[in-house]
Amino acid sequence: MTIDESAPVVARGSIDNETDPTRVWALTSGIEAWPSWNPDVKWARLDGDLAVGSAFRWKAGPGTIRSTLPRVDEPASPAWTGTTLGIHAVHVWEIEHADGGARVRTEESWRGFLLRLLRSATTRSLRTAIDRGLGALKSAAEKPSA
């Protein structure tokens, strides 16, 4: 699964974590717990089990996003697609072993009519969200277990 490279808004980022990739997988695939580590997510509800084709709804920014899981490749790569406010998004995580820890790469694309007009601002917004999310993921993944 890949993002839509031809979409008007595309952003990507990566970060190394000093933790096992399975810990990162647990955080990125634990949809209902996203608000506990990602400050941009207000709430999230998974309808059923974590499986290809499962649907979930969540709140980030001004809209409620209706999403599905087109890929759930434990422990390496969860992905979701979603729509909100006329925007169609595709988000892909890649988690791999690296230097005794986990390297996380993530990328997202947004397609929608208004995005062509607001390309620069929305690209900056998405890049900021990805960087903030990766930083929050690193903090959560490296936090000692209680």
Protein backbone atom coordinates (compact mmCIF):
# COMPACT_ATOMS: atom_id res chain seq x y z
CA MET A 1 0.00 0.00 0.00
CA THR A 2 1.29 3.43 -0.88
CA ILE A 3 0.04 6.96 -0.55
CA ASP A 4 -1.32 8.90 -3.54
CA GLU A 5 1.87 10.49 -4.90
CA SER A 6 -0.17 12.58 -7.38
CA ALA A 7 -2.29 14.16 -4.62
CA PRO A 8 -1.93 17.93 -4.17
CA VAL A 9 -0.77 17.50 -0.56
CA VAL A 10 1.90 14.95 0.39
CA ALA A 11 4.11 14.84 3.47
CA ARG A 12 6.42 12.30 5.02
CA GLY A 13 8.75 11.96 7.96
CA SER A 14 10.87 9.49 9.89
CA ILE A 15 12.32 9.07 13.35
CA ASP A 16 14.47 6.54 15.16
CA ASN A 17 13.25 5.14 18.47
CA GLU A 18 15.29 3.43 21.16
CA THR A 19 12.72 0.71 21.65
CA ASP A 20 11.59 -2.53 20.10
CA PRO A 21 9.53 -2.25 16.89
CA THR A 22 6.73 -4.25 18.53
CA ARG A 23 6.26 -1.40 21.03
CA VAL A 24 5.92 1.08 18.16
CA TRP A 25 3.49 -1.29 16.41
CA ALA A 26 1.34 -1.46 19.54
CA LEU A 27 1.10 2.34 19.65
CA THR A 28 0.42 2.91 15.94
CA SER A 29 -2.07 0.06 15.64
CA GLY A 30 -3.81 0.71 18.98
CA ILE A 31 -6.31 3.08 17.39
CA GLU A 32 -8.51 3.70 20.43
CA ALA A 33 -5.40 4.64 22.45
CA TRP A 34 -4.13 7.22 19.92
CA PRO A 35 -5.35 10.12 22.10
CA SER A 36 -3.14 8.89 24.96
CA TRP A 37 0.05 9.65 23.03
CA ASN A 38 -0.89 11.80 19.99
CA PRO A 39 -1.93 15.33 21.04
CA ASP A 40 -3.69 15.93 17.71
CA VAL A 41 -6.18 13.08 18.24
CA LYS A 42 -9.12 13.95 20.49
CA TRP A 43 -10.85 10.54 20.38
CA ALA A 44 -10.89 7.34 18.29
CA ARG A 45 -13.34 4.42 18.02
CA LEU A 46 -12.55 1.18 16.19
CA ASP A 47 -15.57 -0.75 14.93
CA GLY A 48 -14.60 -4.37 15.58
CA ASP A 49 -11.17 -5.95 15.52
CA LEU A 50 -7.93 -4.62 14.10
CA ALA A 51 -8.15 -6.26 10.67
CA VAL A 52 -8.04 -5.37 7.00
CA GLY A 53 -11.32 -3.72 6.09
CA SER A 54 -12.20 -2.65 9.63
CA ALA A 55 -13.66 0.84 9.99
CA PHE A 56 -12.98 3.46 12.62
CA ARG A 57 -13.91 7.05 13.33
CA TRP A 58 -11.75 9.64 15.04
CA LYS A 59 -11.44 13.32 15.73
CA ALA A 60 -8.35 15.32 14.76
CA GLY A 61 -8.46 18.98 13.92
CA PRO A 62 -11.82 20.40 12.90
CA GLY A 63 -13.32 17.23 11.45
CA THR A 64 -14.38 13.73 12.36
CA ILE A 65 -12.56 11.33 10.08
CA ARG A 66 -14.18 8.15 8.80
CA SER A 67 -11.44 5.65 8.09
CA THR A 68 -10.77 2.07 7.06
CA LEU A 69 -7.75 -0.18 7.39
CA PRO A 70 -6.57 -1.41 3.97
CA ARG A 71 -3.40 -2.92 5.43
CA VAL A 72 -2.55 -4.42 8.82
CA ASP A 73 0.86 -6.11 8.47
CA GLU A 74 1.97 -6.76 12.05
CA PRO A 75 4.51 -5.70 13.20
CA ALA A 76 5.71 -3.67 10.24
CA SER A 77 3.05 -1.61 8.57
CA PRO A 78 -0.39 -0.41 9.55
CA ALA A 79 -2.13 1.91 7.07
CA TRP A 80 -5.44 3.77 6.93
CA THR A 81 -7.53 5.72 4.48
CA GLY A 82 -10.12 8.27 5.48
CA THR A 83 -12.35 11.15 4.50
CA THR A 84 -13.35 14.37 6.22
CA LEU A 85 -14.46 17.80 5.06
CA GLY A 86 -14.03 16.87 1.38
CA ILE A 87 -10.51 15.54 1.91
CA HIS A 88 -9.51 11.96 1.11
CA ALA A 89 -6.41 10.91 3.06
CA VAL A 90 -4.09 7.90 2.84
CA HIS A 91 -1.62 7.28 5.67
CA VAL A 92 1.06 4.58 5.79
CA TRP A 93 3.41 3.62 8.62
CA GLU A 94 6.60 1.58 8.06
CA ILE A 95 8.29 0.17 11.18
CA GLU A 96 11.60 -1.67 11.00
CA HIS A 97 14.52 -2.79 13.18
CA ALA A 98 17.39 -0.30 13.10
CA ASP A 99 20.48 0.02 15.27
CA GLY A 100 18.99 -1.80 18.26
CA GLY A 101 15.72 0.10 18.07
CA ALA A 102 12.98 0.95 15.63
CA ARG A 103 13.04 3.24 12.62
CA VAL A 104 9.61 4.66 11.86
CA ARG A 105 8.70 6.16 8.51
CA THR A 106 5.31 7.63 7.85
CA GLU A 107 3.72 9.34 4.90
CA GLU A 108 0.34 10.78 4.10
CA SER A 109 -1.46 12.19 1.07
CA TRP A 110 -4.53 14.41 0.88
CA ARG A 111 -6.75 14.77 -2.17
CA GLY A 112 -9.70 17.15 -2.46
CA PHE A 113 -11.01 20.04 -4.52
CA LEU A 114 -10.05 22.87 -2.16
CA LEU A 115 -6.58 21.45 -1.54
CA ARG A 116 -5.45 22.55 -5.00
CA LEU A 117 -6.21 26.14 -3.97
CA LEU A 118 -4.66 25.81 -0.52
CA ARG A 119 -1.78 23.49 -1.40
CA SER A 120 1.02 25.40 0.33
CA ALA A 121 -0.79 26.00 3.63
CA THR A 122 -2.24 22.50 3.87
CA THR A 123 1.11 20.89 3.02
CA ARG A 124 2.75 22.87 5.86
CA SER A 125 -0.08 21.84 8.18
CA LEU A 126 0.30 18.16 7.31
CA ARG A 127 4.10 18.28 7.66
CA THR A 128 3.73 19.88 11.08
CA ALA A 129 1.21 17.22 12.15
CA ILE A 130 3.47 14.39 10.97
CA ASP A 131 6.52 15.82 12.76
CA ARG A 132 4.52 16.42 15.96
CA GLY A 133 3.02 12.92 15.76
CA LEU A 134 6.42 11.28 15.24
CA GLY A 135 7.85 13.17 18.22
CA ALA A 136 4.90 12.13 20.39
CA LEU A 137 5.23 8.53 19.19
CA LYS A 138 8.93 8.50 20.11
CA SER A 139 8.20 9.87 23.58
CA ALA A 140 5.49 7.29 24.19
CA ALA A 141 7.47 4.37 22.76
CA GLU A 142 10.57 5.18 24.82
CA LYS A 143 8.67 5.82 28.05
CA PRO A 144 9.54 3.17 30.63
CA SER A 145 6.73 0.72 31.35
CA ALA A 146 5.16 1.01 34.79
